[in-house]
Amino acid sequence: MPDIIASNDFESPALFWLYREIKRLDESMRAVGLADEEARRNVCERFFFGIEEGLTTPVKAMDDEDYTPKLVLIGADDRHLQATSMFDFHEYAHAIVAEYFEDRIPSSGNS
C-alpha cells in the first residue's frame, strides 16, 4: 500500500483536475441541449462549491461501515498526494468556474 501524503504539492494538480471536471460537466450539459451559458455556469458553481462536502462526508456501505471519499492524485513519480487541511475546494470553486467560463475560447455551438 503506497503512502498517501498530505502535501501542498496537491494544490496545483488539484486545480487543473477541477478545471478539467468543470469543462467535462459543461460539455455534458451542452451535449444534452442546455445552451444557456449562465445556467450551465450556475450548475457548475453549485456542483463544485459542494465538492468539498462530497469529498469529506462519509458514506455508509452495505456492511454499515462508514467510508470517507478522498481525492488522491498520483504523480508520475508514484507519489500519492492528498490535500492538506489548508486546501479548501470552497475557496477555489467559484474562481475556477469563472476562469473556465470567462477565459476559455467560446464554443462554436458544435461541441
PDB file of N, CA and C in Angstrom:
ATOM      1  N   MET A   1       0.842  -1.175   0.000  1.00  0.00           N
ATOM      2  CA  MET A   1       0.000   0.000   0.000  1.00  0.00           C
ATOM      3  C   MET A   1       0.888   1.239   0.000  1.00  0.00           C
ATOM      4  N   PRO A   2       0.724   2.122  -0.980  1.00  0.00           N
ATOM      5  CA  PRO A   2       1.565   3.329  -1.009  1.00  0.00           C
ATOM      6  C   PRO A   2       1.178   4.297   0.100  1.00  0.00           C
ATOM      7  N   ASP A   3       2.151   5.083   0.512  1.00  0.00           N
ATOM      8  CA  ASP A   3       1.873   6.140   1.471  1.00  0.00           C
ATOM      9  C   ASP A   3       1.124   7.256   0.759  1.00  0.00           C
ATOM     10  N   ILE A   4       0.080   7.751   1.398  1.00  0.00           N
ATOM     11  CA  ILE A   4      -0.662   8.900   0.885  1.00  0.00           C
ATOM     12  C   ILE A   4      -0.221  10.090   1.709  1.00  0.00           C
ATOM     13  N   ILE A   5       0.329  11.084   1.029  1.00  0.00           N
ATOM     14  CA  ILE A   5       0.961  12.211   1.691  1.00  0.00           C
ATOM     15  C   ILE A   5       0.100  13.460   1.539  1.00  0.00           C
ATOM     16  N   ALA A   6      -0.240  14.084   2.652  1.00  0.00           N
ATOM     17  CA  ALA A   6      -0.893  15.392   2.616  1.00  0.00           C
ATOM     18  C   ALA A   6       0.186  16.414   2.316  1.00  0.00           C
ATOM     19  N   SER A   7       0.040  17.102   1.185  1.00  0.00           N
ATOM     20  CA  SER A   7       1.113  17.981   0.728  1.00  0.00           C
ATOM     21  C   SER A   7       0.562  19.201   0.015  1.00  0.00           C
ATOM     22  N   ASN A   8       1.278  20.308   0.141  1.00  0.00           N
ATOM     23  CA  ASN A   8       0.919  21.497  -0.622  1.00  0.00           C
ATOM     24  C   ASN A   8       1.119  21.277  -2.120  1.00  0.00           C
ATOM     25  N   ASP A   9       1.893  20.257  -2.490  1.00  0.00           N
ATOM     26  CA  ASP A   9       2.071  19.915  -3.903  1.00  0.00           C
ATOM     27  C   ASP A   9       0.766  19.448  -4.538  1.00  0.00           C
ATOM     28  N   PHE A  10      -0.236  19.154  -3.733  1.00  0.00           N
ATOM     29  CA  PHE A  10      -1.551  18.718  -4.197  1.00  0.00           C
ATOM     30  C   PHE A  10      -2.287  19.855  -4.907  1.00  0.00           C
ATOM     31  N   GLU A  11      -2.052  21.088  -4.478  1.00  0.00           N
ATOM     32  CA  GLU A  11      -2.861  22.230  -4.919  1.00  0.00           C
ATOM     33  C   GLU A  11      -2.878  22.419  -6.435  1.00  0.00           C
ATOM     34  N   SER A  12      -1.745  22.529  -7.050  1.00  0.00           N
ATOM     35  CA  SER A  12      -1.711  22.822  -8.480  1.00  0.00           C
ATOM     36  C   SER A  12      -2.392  21.739  -9.314  1.00  0.00           C
ATOM     37  N   PRO A  13      -2.029  20.451  -9.158  1.00  0.00           N
ATOM     38  CA  PRO A  13      -2.725  19.449  -9.962  1.00  0.00           C
ATOM     39  C   PRO A  13      -4.211  19.338  -9.610  1.00  0.00           C
ATOM     40  N   ALA A  14      -4.577  19.601  -8.369  1.00  0.00           N
ATOM     41  CA  ALA A  14      -5.989  19.545  -7.982  1.00  0.00           C
ATOM     42  C   ALA A  14      -6.782  20.631  -8.694  1.00  0.00           C
ATOM     43  N   LEU A  15      -6.185  21.798  -8.846  1.00  0.00           N
ATOM     44  CA  LEU A  15      -6.878  22.874  -9.548  1.00  0.00           C
ATOM     45  C   LEU A  15      -7.009  22.569 -11.036  1.00  0.00           C
ATOM     46  N   PHE A  16      -5.993  21.933 -11.621  1.00  0.00           N
ATOM     47  CA  PHE A  16      -6.106  21.511 -13.018  1.00  0.00           C
ATOM     48  C   PHE A  16      -7.167  20.425 -13.163  1.00  0.00           C
ATOM     49  N   TRP A  17      -7.242  19.505 -12.183  1.00  0.00           N
ATOM     50  CA  TRP A  17      -8.291  18.489 -12.186  1.00  0.00           C
ATOM     51  C   TRP A  17      -9.661  19.146 -12.100  1.00  0.00           C
ATOM     52  N   LEU A  18      -9.810  20.124 -11.205  1.00  0.00           N
ATOM     53  CA  LEU A  18     -11.072  20.828 -11.030  1.00  0.00           C
ATOM     54  C   LEU A  18     -11.485  21.515 -12.330  1.00  0.00           C
ATOM     55  N   TYR A  19     -10.555  22.193 -12.983  1.00  0.00           N
ATOM     56  CA  TYR A  19     -10.842  22.861 -14.259  1.00  0.00           C
ATOM     57  C   TYR A  19     -11.304  21.829 -15.297  1.00  0.00           C
ATOM     58  N   ARG A  20     -10.603  20.701 -15.373  1.00  0.00           N
ATOM     59  CA  ARG A  20     -10.961  19.660 -16.346  1.00  0.00           C
ATOM     60  C   ARG A  20     -12.364  19.130 -16.080  1.00  0.00           C
ATOM     61  N   GLU A  21     -12.718  18.950 -14.810  1.00  0.00           N
ATOM     62  CA  GLU A  21     -14.035  18.423 -14.475  1.00  0.00           C
ATOM     63  C   GLU A  21     -15.134  19.450 -14.737  1.00  0.00           C
ATOM     64  N   ILE A  22     -14.842  20.728 -14.534  1.00  0.00           N
ATOM     65  CA  ILE A  22     -15.796  21.785 -14.884  1.00  0.00           C
ATOM     66  C   ILE A  22     -16.054  21.741 -16.388  1.00  0.00           C
ATOM     67  N   LYS A  23     -14.995  21.620 -17.158  1.00  0.00           N
ATOM     68  CA  LYS A  23     -15.121  21.534 -18.622  1.00  0.00           C
ATOM     69  C   LYS A  23     -15.959  20.317 -19.006  1.00  0.00           C
ATOM     70  N   ARG A  24     -15.714  19.188 -18.368  1.00  0.00           N
ATOM     71  CA  ARG A  24     -16.439  17.959 -18.671  1.00  0.00           C
ATOM     72  C   ARG A  24     -17.924  18.099 -18.342  1.00  0.00           C
ATOM     73  N   LEU A  25     -18.242  18.702 -17.197  1.00  0.00           N
ATOM     74  CA  LEU A  25     -19.639  18.921 -16.830  1.00  0.00           C
ATOM     75  C   LEU A  25     -20.297  19.881 -17.805  1.00  0.00           C
ATOM     76  N   ASP A  26     -19.613  20.958 -18.158  1.00  0.00           N
ATOM     77  CA  ASP A  26     -20.164  21.915 -19.117  1.00  0.00           C
ATOM     78  C   ASP A  26     -20.427  21.247 -20.470  1.00  0.00           C
ATOM     79  N   GLU A  27     -19.475  20.454 -20.937  1.00  0.00           N
ATOM     80  CA  GLU A  27     -19.656  19.760 -22.221  1.00  0.00           C
ATOM     81  C   GLU A  27     -20.837  18.789 -22.155  1.00  0.00           C
ATOM     82  N   SER A  28     -21.034  18.142 -21.018  1.00  0.00           N
ATOM     83  CA  SER A  28     -22.167  17.224 -20.863  1.00  0.00           C
ATOM     84  C   SER A  28     -23.490  17.980 -20.921  1.00  0.00           C
ATOM     85  N   MET A  29     -23.534  19.122 -20.273  1.00  0.00           N
ATOM     86  CA  MET A  29     -24.770  19.916 -20.303  1.00  0.00           C
ATOM     87  C   MET A  29     -25.062  20.408 -21.718  1.00  0.00           C
ATOM     88  N   ARG A  30     -24.025  20.855 -22.416  1.00  0.00           N
ATOM     89  CA  ARG A  30     -24.220  21.288 -23.807  1.00  0.00           C
ATOM     90  C   ARG A  30     -24.658  20.128 -24.686  1.00  0.00           C
ATOM     91  N   ALA A  31     -24.119  18.943 -24.450  1.00  0.00           N
ATOM     92  CA  ALA A  31     -24.440  17.766 -25.259  1.00  0.00           C
ATOM     93  C   ALA A  31     -25.907  17.355 -25.134  1.00  0.00           C
ATOM     94  N   VAL A  32     -26.518  17.648 -23.992  1.00  0.00           N
ATOM     95  CA  VAL A  32     -27.934  17.305 -23.823  1.00  0.00           C
ATOM     96  C   VAL A  32     -28.842  18.484 -24.138  1.00  0.00           C
ATOM     97  N   GLY A  33     -28.263  19.549 -24.696  1.00  0.00           N
ATOM     98  CA  GLY A  33     -29.073  20.651 -25.196  1.00  0.00           C
ATOM     99  C   GLY A  33     -29.232  21.847 -24.286  1.00  0.00           C
ATOM    100  N   LEU A  34     -28.488  21.918 -23.180  1.00  0.00           N
ATOM    101  CA  LEU A  34     -28.585  23.095 -22.317  1.00  0.00           C
ATOM    102  C   LEU A  34     -27.674  24.180 -22.890  1.00  0.00           C
ATOM    103  N   ALA A  35     -28.254  25.049 -23.694  1.00  0.00           N
ATOM    104  CA  ALA A  35     -27.479  26.066 -24.407  1.00  0.00           C
ATOM    105  C   ALA A  35     -27.206  27.305 -23.550  1.00  0.00           C
ATOM    106  N   ASP A  36     -28.031  27.572 -22.563  1.00  0.00           N
ATOM    107  CA  ASP A  36     -27.930  28.782 -21.749  1.00  0.00           C
ATOM    108  C   ASP A  36     -26.646  28.748 -20.919  1.00  0.00           C
ATOM    109  N   GLU A  37     -25.665  29.564 -21.314  1.00  0.00           N
ATOM    110  CA  GLU A  37     -24.368  29.558 -20.630  1.00  0.00           C
ATOM    111  C   GLU A  37     -24.479  29.972 -19.175  1.00  0.00           C
ATOM    112  N   GLU A  38     -25.345  30.932 -18.869  1.00  0.00           N
ATOM    113  CA  GLU A  38     -25.499  31.364 -17.481  1.00  0.00           C
ATOM    114  C   GLU A  38     -26.032  30.216 -16.617  1.00  0.00           C
ATOM    115  N   ALA A  39     -26.966  29.438 -17.146  1.00  0.00           N
ATOM    116  CA  ALA A  39     -27.499  28.290 -16.408  1.00  0.00           C
ATOM    117  C   ALA A  39     -26.410  27.236 -16.207  1.00  0.00           C
ATOM    118  N   ARG A  40     -25.619  26.969 -17.251  1.00  0.00           N
ATOM    119  CA  ARG A  40     -24.539  25.979 -17.125  1.00  0.00           C
ATOM    120  C   ARG A  40     -23.512  26.443 -16.101  1.00  0.00           C
ATOM    121  N   ARG A  41     -23.195  27.707 -16.129  1.00  0.00           N
ATOM    122  CA  ARG A  41     -22.227  28.246 -15.165  1.00  0.00           C
ATOM    123  C   ARG A  41     -22.762  28.099 -13.742  1.00  0.00           C
ATOM    124  N   ASN A  42     -24.039  28.397 -13.561  1.00  0.00           N
ATOM    125  CA  ASN A  42     -24.649  28.282 -12.245  1.00  0.00           C
ATOM    126  C   ASN A  42     -24.610  26.839 -11.755  1.00  0.00           C
ATOM    127  N   VAL A  43     -24.899  25.881 -12.621  1.00  0.00           N
ATOM    128  CA  VAL A  43     -24.833  24.467 -12.246  1.00  0.00           C
ATOM    129  C   VAL A  43     -23.409  24.116 -11.827  1.00  0.00           C
ATOM    130  N   CYS A  44     -22.427  24.535 -12.615  1.00  0.00           N
ATOM    131  CA  CYS A  44     -21.029  24.245 -12.282  1.00  0.00           C
ATOM    132  C   CYS A  44     -20.638  24.865 -10.944  1.00  0.00           C
ATOM    133  N   GLU A  45     -21.023  26.114 -10.706  1.00  0.00           N
ATOM    134  CA  GLU A  45     -20.692  26.766  -9.442  1.00  0.00           C
ATOM    135  C   GLU A  45     -21.290  26.018  -8.265  1.00  0.00           C
ATOM    136  N   ARG A  46     -22.552  25.649  -8.375  1.00  0.00           N
ATOM    137  CA  ARG A  46     -23.226  24.948  -7.279  1.00  0.00           C
ATOM    138  C   ARG A  46     -22.613  23.565  -7.043  1.00  0.00           C
ATOM    139  N   PHE A  47     -22.381  22.845  -8.148  1.00  0.00           N
ATOM    140  CA  PHE A  47     -21.846  21.495  -8.016  1.00  0.00           C
ATOM    141  C   PHE A  47     -20.448  21.509  -7.409  1.00  0.00           C
ATOM    142  N   PHE A  48     -19.566  22.335  -7.948  1.00  0.00           N
ATOM    143  CA  PHE A  48     -18.182  22.306  -7.480  1.00  0.00           C
ATOM    144  C   PHE A  48     -17.989  23.021  -6.153  1.00  0.00           C
ATOM    145  N   PHE A  49     -18.884  23.944  -5.792  1.00  0.00           N
ATOM    146  CA  PHE A  49     -18.822  24.511  -4.451  1.00  0.00           C
ATOM    147  C   PHE A  49     -19.108  23.412  -3.431  1.00  0.00           C
ATOM    148  N   GLY A  50     -19.969  22.464  -3.786  1.00  0.00           N
ATOM    149  CA  GLY A  50     -20.326  21.377  -2.887  1.00  0.00           C
ATOM    150  C   GLY A  50     -19.392  20.188  -2.934  1.00  0.00           C
ATOM    151  N   ILE A  51     -18.385  20.215  -3.798  1.00  0.00           N
ATOM    152  CA  ILE A  51     -17.488  19.065  -3.925  1.00  0.00           C
ATOM    153  C   ILE A  51     -16.743  18.797  -2.618  1.00  0.00           C
ATOM    154  N   GLU A  52     -16.493  19.827  -1.858  1.00  0.00           N
ATOM    155  CA  GLU A  52     -15.818  19.661  -0.554  1.00  0.00           C
ATOM    156  C   GLU A  52     -16.618  18.707   0.336  1.00  0.00           C
ATOM    157  N   GLU A  53     -17.927  18.922   0.374  1.00  0.00           N
ATOM    158  CA  GLU A  53     -18.770  18.040   1.183  1.00  0.00           C
ATOM    159  C   GLU A  53     -18.747  16.619   0.630  1.00  0.00           C
ATOM    160  N   GLY A  54     -18.770  16.499  -0.698  1.00  0.00           N
ATOM    161  CA  GLY A  54     -18.732  15.184  -1.315  1.00  0.00           C
ATOM    162  C   GLY A  54     -17.446  14.427  -1.050  1.00  0.00           C
ATOM    163  N   LEU A  55     -16.376  15.167  -0.799  1.00  0.00           N
ATOM    164  CA  LEU A  55     -15.078  14.537  -0.547  1.00  0.00           C
ATOM    165  C   LEU A  55     -14.734  14.431   0.940  1.00  0.00           C
ATOM    166  N   THR A  56     -15.659  14.803   1.808  1.00  0.00           N
ATOM    167  CA  THR A  56     -15.372  14.728   3.242  1.00  0.00           C
ATOM    168  C   THR A  56     -16.478  14.057   4.044  1.00  0.00           C
ATOM    169  N   THR A  57     -17.685  13.963   3.491  1.00  0.00           N
ATOM    170  CA  THR A  57     -18.798  13.371   4.217  1.00  0.00           C
ATOM    171  C   THR A  57     -18.796  11.862   4.029  1.00  0.00           C
ATOM    172  N   PRO A  58     -18.737  11.117   5.108  1.00  0.00           N
ATOM    173  CA  PRO A  58     -18.721   9.650   4.983  1.00  0.00           C
ATOM    174  C   PRO A  58     -19.989   9.114   4.326  1.00  0.00           C
ATOM    175  N   VAL A  59     -19.827   8.002   3.639  1.00  0.00           N
ATOM    176  CA  VAL A  59     -20.954   7.259   3.080  1.00  0.00           C
ATOM    177  C   VAL A  59     -21.005   5.917   3.806  1.00  0.00           C
ATOM    178  N   LYS A  60     -22.200   5.421   3.981  1.00  0.00           N
ATOM    179  CA  LYS A  60     -22.374   4.149   4.674  1.00  0.00           C
ATOM    180  C   LYS A  60     -22.487   3.048   3.633  1.00  0.00           C
ATOM    181  N   ALA A  61     -21.676   2.025   3.786  1.00  0.00           N
ATOM    182  CA  ALA A  61     -21.683   0.897   2.848  1.00  0.00           C
ATOM    183  C   ALA A  61     -22.672  -0.158   3.331  1.00  0.00           C
ATOM    184  N   MET A  62     -22.852  -1.182   2.500  1.00  0.00           N
ATOM    185  CA  MET A  62     -23.799  -2.246   2.837  1.00  0.00           C
ATOM    186  C   MET A  62     -23.427  -2.946   4.144  1.00  0.00           C
ATOM    187  N   ASP A  63     -22.141  -2.949   4.487  1.00  0.00           N
ATOM    188  CA  ASP A  63     -21.720  -3.575   5.747  1.00  0.00           C
ATOM    189  C   ASP A  63     -21.901  -2.637   6.940  1.00  0.00           C
ATOM    190  N   ASP A  64     -22.569  -1.503   6.687  1.00  0.00           N
ATOM    191  CA  ASP A  64     -22.871  -0.482   7.690  1.00  0.00           C
ATOM    192  C   ASP A  64     -21.629   0.259   8.182  1.00  0.00           C
ATOM    193  N   GLU A  65     -20.527   0.074   7.487  1.00  0.00           N
ATOM    194  CA  GLU A  65     -19.305   0.790   7.837  1.00  0.00           C
ATOM    195  C   GLU A  65     -19.263   2.106   7.067  1.00  0.00           C
ATOM    196  N   ASP A  66     -18.722   3.140   7.706  1.00  0.00           N
ATOM    197  CA  ASP A  66     -18.577   4.435   7.057  1.00  0.00           C
ATOM    198  C   ASP A  66     -17.270   4.497   6.288  1.00  0.00           C
ATOM    199  N   TYR A  67     -17.343   5.058   5.080  1.00  0.00           N
ATOM    200  CA  TYR A  67     -16.162   5.293   4.243  1.00  0.00           C
ATOM    201  C   TYR A  67     -16.196   6.753   3.824  1.00  0.00           C
ATOM    202  N   THR A  68     -15.042   7.403   3.896  1.00  0.00           N
ATOM    203  CA  THR A  68     -14.964   8.801   3.500  1.00  0.00           C
ATOM    204  C   THR A  68     -14.238   8.917   2.168  1.00  0.00           C
ATOM    205  N   PRO A  69     -14.916   9.472   1.152  1.00  0.00           N
ATOM    206  CA  PRO A  69     -14.252   9.671  -0.146  1.00  0.00           C
ATOM    207  C   PRO A  69     -13.115  10.684   0.000  1.00  0.00           C
ATOM    208  N   LYS A  70     -12.049  10.469  -0.732  1.00  0.00           N
ATOM    209  CA  LYS A  70     -10.918  11.397  -0.756  1.00  0.00           C
ATOM    210  C   LYS A  70     -10.413  11.495  -2.181  1.00  0.00           C
ATOM    211  N   LEU A  71      -9.962  12.657  -2.552  1.00  0.00           N
ATOM    212  CA  LEU A  71      -9.321  12.824  -3.844  1.00  0.00           C
ATOM    213  C   LEU A  71      -7.823  12.648  -3.629  1.00  0.00           C
ATOM    214  N   VAL A  72      -7.281  11.612  -4.208  1.00  0.00           N
ATOM    215  CA  VAL A  72      -5.844  11.339  -4.133  1.00  0.00           C
ATOM    216  C   VAL A  72      -5.308  11.429  -5.549  1.00  0.00           C
ATOM    217  N   LEU A  73      -4.281  12.219  -5.725  1.00  0.00           N
ATOM    218  CA  LEU A  73      -3.653  12.402  -7.027  1.00  0.00           C
ATOM    219  C   LEU A  73      -2.335  11.643  -7.051  1.00  0.00           C
ATOM    220  N   ILE A  74      -2.122  10.877  -8.103  1.00  0.00           N
ATOM    221  CA  ILE A  74      -0.921  10.064  -8.208  1.00  0.00           C
ATOM    222  C   ILE A  74      -0.013  10.677  -9.259  1.00  0.00           C
ATOM    223  N   GLY A  75       1.179  11.053  -8.848  1.00  0.00           N
ATOM    224  CA  GLY A  75       2.140  11.673  -9.748  1.00  0.00           C
ATOM    225  C   GLY A  75       2.879  10.649 -10.589  1.00  0.00           C
ATOM    226  N   ALA A  76       3.530  11.143 -11.639  1.00  0.00           N
ATOM    227  CA  ALA A  76       4.334  10.273 -12.499  1.00  0.00           C
ATOM    228  C   ALA A  76       5.423   9.571 -11.691  1.00  0.00           C
ATOM    229  N   ASP A  77       5.846  10.198 -10.583  1.00  0.00           N
ATOM    230  CA  ASP A  77       6.862   9.598  -9.717  1.00  0.00           C
ATOM    231  C   ASP A  77       6.245   8.648  -8.683  1.00  0.00           C
ATOM    232  N   ASP A  78       4.966   8.339  -8.841  1.00  0.00           N
ATOM    233  CA  ASP A  78       4.206   7.419  -7.998  1.00  0.00           C
ATOM    234  C   ASP A  78       3.913   7.970  -6.598  1.00  0.00           C
ATOM    235  N   ARG A  79       4.112   9.282  -6.395  1.00  0.00           N
ATOM    236  CA  ARG A  79       3.679   9.879  -5.124  1.00  0.00           C
ATOM    237  C   ARG A  79       2.155   9.910  -5.115  1.00  0.00           C
ATOM    238  N   HIS A  80       1.569   9.616  -3.990  1.00  0.00           N
ATOM    239  CA  HIS A  80       0.124   9.673  -3.793  1.00  0.00           C
ATOM    240  C   HIS A  80      -0.151  10.864  -2.885  1.00  0.00           C
ATOM    241  N   LEU A  81      -0.739  11.915  -3.465  1.00  0.00           N
ATOM    242  CA  LEU A  81      -0.937  13.158  -2.727  1.00  0.00           C
ATOM    243  C   LEU A  81      -2.404  13.385  -2.407  1.00  0.00           C
ATOM    244  N   GLN A  82      -2.639  13.905  -1.231  1.00  0.00           N
ATOM    245  CA  GLN A  82      -3.969  14.381  -0.872  1.00  0.00           C
ATOM    246  C   GLN A  82      -3.825  15.796  -0.327  1.00  0.00           C
ATOM    247  N   ALA A  83      -4.944  16.463  -0.212  1.00  0.00           N
ATOM    248  CA  ALA A  83      -4.946  17.841   0.258  1.00  0.00           C
ATOM    249  C   ALA A  83      -4.501  17.937   1.715  1.00  0.00           C
ATOM    250  N   THR A  84      -3.855  19.035   2.030  1.00  0.00           N
ATOM    251  CA  THR A  84      -3.588  19.344   3.433  1.00  0.00           C
ATOM    252  C   THR A  84      -4.866  19.921   4.030  1.00  0.00           C
ATOM    253  N   SER A  85      -4.886  20.128   5.309  1.00  0.00           N
ATOM    254  CA  SER A  85      -6.069  20.715   5.954  1.00  0.00           C
ATOM    255  C   SER A  85      -6.297  22.159   5.500  1.00  0.00           C
ATOM    256  N   MET A  86      -5.288  22.766   4.895  1.00  0.00           N
ATOM    257  CA  MET A  86      -5.410  24.152   4.430  1.00  0.00           C
ATOM    258  C   MET A  86      -6.099  24.257   3.061  1.00  0.00           C
ATOM    259  N   PHE A  87      -6.153  23.169   2.306  1.00  0.00           N
ATOM    260  CA  PHE A  87      -6.755  23.205   0.974  1.00  0.00           C
ATOM    261  C   PHE A  87      -8.269  23.095   1.126  1.00  0.00           C
ATOM    262  N   ASP A  88      -8.975  23.992   0.456  1.00  0.00           N
ATOM    263  CA  ASP A  88     -10.431  24.041   0.594  1.00  0.00           C
ATOM    264  C   ASP A  88     -11.059  24.254  -0.777  1.00  0.00           C
ATOM    265  N   PHE A  89     -11.766  23.239  -1.272  1.00  0.00           N
ATOM    266  CA  PHE A  89     -12.416  23.382  -2.575  1.00  0.00           C
ATOM    267  C   PHE A  89     -13.391  24.553  -2.594  1.00  0.00           C
ATOM    268  N   HIS A  90     -14.029  24.851  -1.441  1.00  0.00           N
ATOM    269  CA  HIS A  90     -14.933  26.002  -1.383  1.00  0.00           C
ATOM    270  C   HIS A  90     -14.211  27.279  -1.814  1.00  0.00           C
ATOM    271  N   GLU A  91     -12.957  27.400  -1.400  1.00  0.00           N
ATOM    272  CA  GLU A  91     -12.192  28.609  -1.699  1.00  0.00           C
ATOM    273  C   GLU A  91     -11.928  28.784  -3.190  1.00  0.00           C
ATOM    274  N   TYR A  92     -11.843  27.665  -3.907  1.00  0.00           N
ATOM    275  CA  TYR A  92     -11.456  27.712  -5.302  1.00  0.00           C
ATOM    276  C   TYR A  92     -12.611  27.575  -6.286  1.00  0.00           C
ATOM    277  N   ALA A  93     -13.724  26.991  -5.866  1.00  0.00           N
ATOM    278  CA  ALA A  93     -14.782  26.598  -6.787  1.00  0.00           C
ATOM    279  C   ALA A  93     -15.244  27.742  -7.695  1.00  0.00           C
ATOM    280  N   HIS A  94     -15.657  28.846  -7.122  1.00  0.00           N
ATOM    281  CA  HIS A  94     -16.183  29.939  -7.940  1.00  0.00           C
ATOM    282  C   HIS A  94     -15.100  30.542  -8.828  1.00  0.00           C
ATOM    283  N   ALA A  95     -13.883  30.649  -8.319  1.00  0.00           N
ATOM    284  CA  ALA A  95     -12.793  31.236  -9.102  1.00  0.00           C
ATOM    285  C   ALA A  95     -12.447  30.370 -10.312  1.00  0.00           C
ATOM    286  N   ILE A  96     -12.406  29.059 -10.135  1.00  0.00           N
ATOM    287  CA  ILE A  96     -12.050  28.181 -11.246  1.00  0.00           C
ATOM    288  C   ILE A  96     -13.200  28.124 -12.253  1.00  0.00           C
ATOM    289  N   VAL A  97     -14.441  28.111 -11.775  1.00  0.00           N
ATOM    290  CA  VAL A  97     -15.587  28.158 -12.699  1.00  0.00           C
ATOM    291  C   VAL A  97     -15.548  29.465 -13.481  1.00  0.00           C
ATOM    292  N   ALA A  98     -15.283  30.569 -12.804  1.00  0.00           N
ATOM    293  CA  ALA A  98     -15.197  31.857 -13.500  1.00  0.00           C
ATOM    294  C   ALA A  98     -14.081  31.835 -14.536  1.00  0.00           C
ATOM    295  N   GLU A  99     -12.939  31.284 -14.161  1.00  0.00           N
ATOM    296  CA  GLU A  99     -11.828  31.203 -15.110  1.00  0.00           C
ATOM    297  C   GLU A  99     -12.241  30.398 -16.338  1.00  0.00           C
ATOM    298  N   TYR A 100     -12.907  29.287 -16.126  1.00  0.00           N
ATOM    299  CA  TYR A 100     -13.338  28.451 -17.252  1.00  0.00           C
ATOM    300  C   TYR A 100     -14.292  29.214 -18.167  1.00  0.00           C
ATOM    301  N   PHE A 101     -15.322  29.827 -17.605  1.00  0.00           N
ATOM    302  CA  PHE A 101     -16.337  30.478 -18.429  1.00  0.00           C
ATOM    303  C   PHE A 101     -15.879  31.813 -19.008  1.00  0.00           C
ATOM    304  N   GLU A 102     -14.939  32.480 -18.365  1.00  0.00           N
ATOM    305  CA  GLU A 102     -14.515  33.796 -18.842  1.00  0.00           C
ATOM    306  C   GLU A 102     -13.283  33.741 -19.729  1.00  0.00           C
ATOM    307  N   ASP A 103     -12.407  32.761 -19.533  1.00  0.00           N
ATOM    308  CA  ASP A 103     -11.143  32.744 -20.240  1.00  0.00           C
ATOM    309  C   ASP A 103     -11.042  31.702 -21.341  1.00  0.00           C
ATOM    310  N   ARG A 104     -11.997  30.788 -21.408  1.00  0.00           N
ATOM    311  CA  ARG A 104     -11.905  29.743 -22.435  1.00  0.00           C
ATOM    312  C   ARG A 104     -12.288  30.327 -23.791  1.00  0.00           C
ATOM    313  N   ILE A 105     -11.921  29.616 -24.824  1.00  0.00           N
ATOM    314  CA  ILE A 105     -12.306  30.011 -26.178  1.00  0.00           C
ATOM    315  C   ILE A 105     -13.779  29.686 -26.330  1.00  0.00           C
ATOM    316  N   PRO A 106     -14.604  30.663 -26.742  1.00  0.00           N
ATOM    317  CA  PRO A 106     -16.035  30.396 -26.881  1.00  0.00           C
ATOM    318  C   PRO A 106     -16.291  29.234 -27.830  1.00  0.00           C
ATOM    319  N   SER A 107     -17.309  28.429 -27.487  1.00  0.00           N
ATOM    320  CA  SER A 107     -17.611  27.283 -28.336  1.00  0.00           C
ATOM    321  C   SER A 107     -18.333  27.735 -29.580  1.00  0.00           C
ATOM    322  N   SER A 108     -18.197  26.924 -30.617  1.00  0.00           N
ATOM    323  CA  SER A 108     -18.864  27.228 -31.871  1.00  0.00           C
ATOM    324  C   SER A 108     -20.291  26.720 -31.878  1.00  0.00           C
ATOM    325  N   GLY A 109     -20.679  26.065 -30.778  1.00  0.00           N
ATOM    326  CA  GLY A 109     -22.025  25.504 -30.700  1.00  0.00           C
ATOM    327  C   GLY A 109     -22.072  24.090 -31.254  1.00  0.00           C
ATOM    328  N   ASN A 110     -20.950  23.574 -31.761  1.00  0.00           N
ATOM    329  CA  ASN A 110     -20.929  22.249 -32.331  1.00  0.00           C
ATOM    330  C   ASN A 110     -20.466  21.188 -31.355  1.00  0.00           C
ATOM    331  N   SER A 111     -19.973  21.578 -30.200  1.00  0.00           N
ATOM    332  CA  SER A 111     -19.474  20.579 -29.266  1.00  0.00           C
ATOM    333  C   SER A 111     -20.353  20.453 -28.068  1.00  0.00           C
TER     334      SER A 111
END
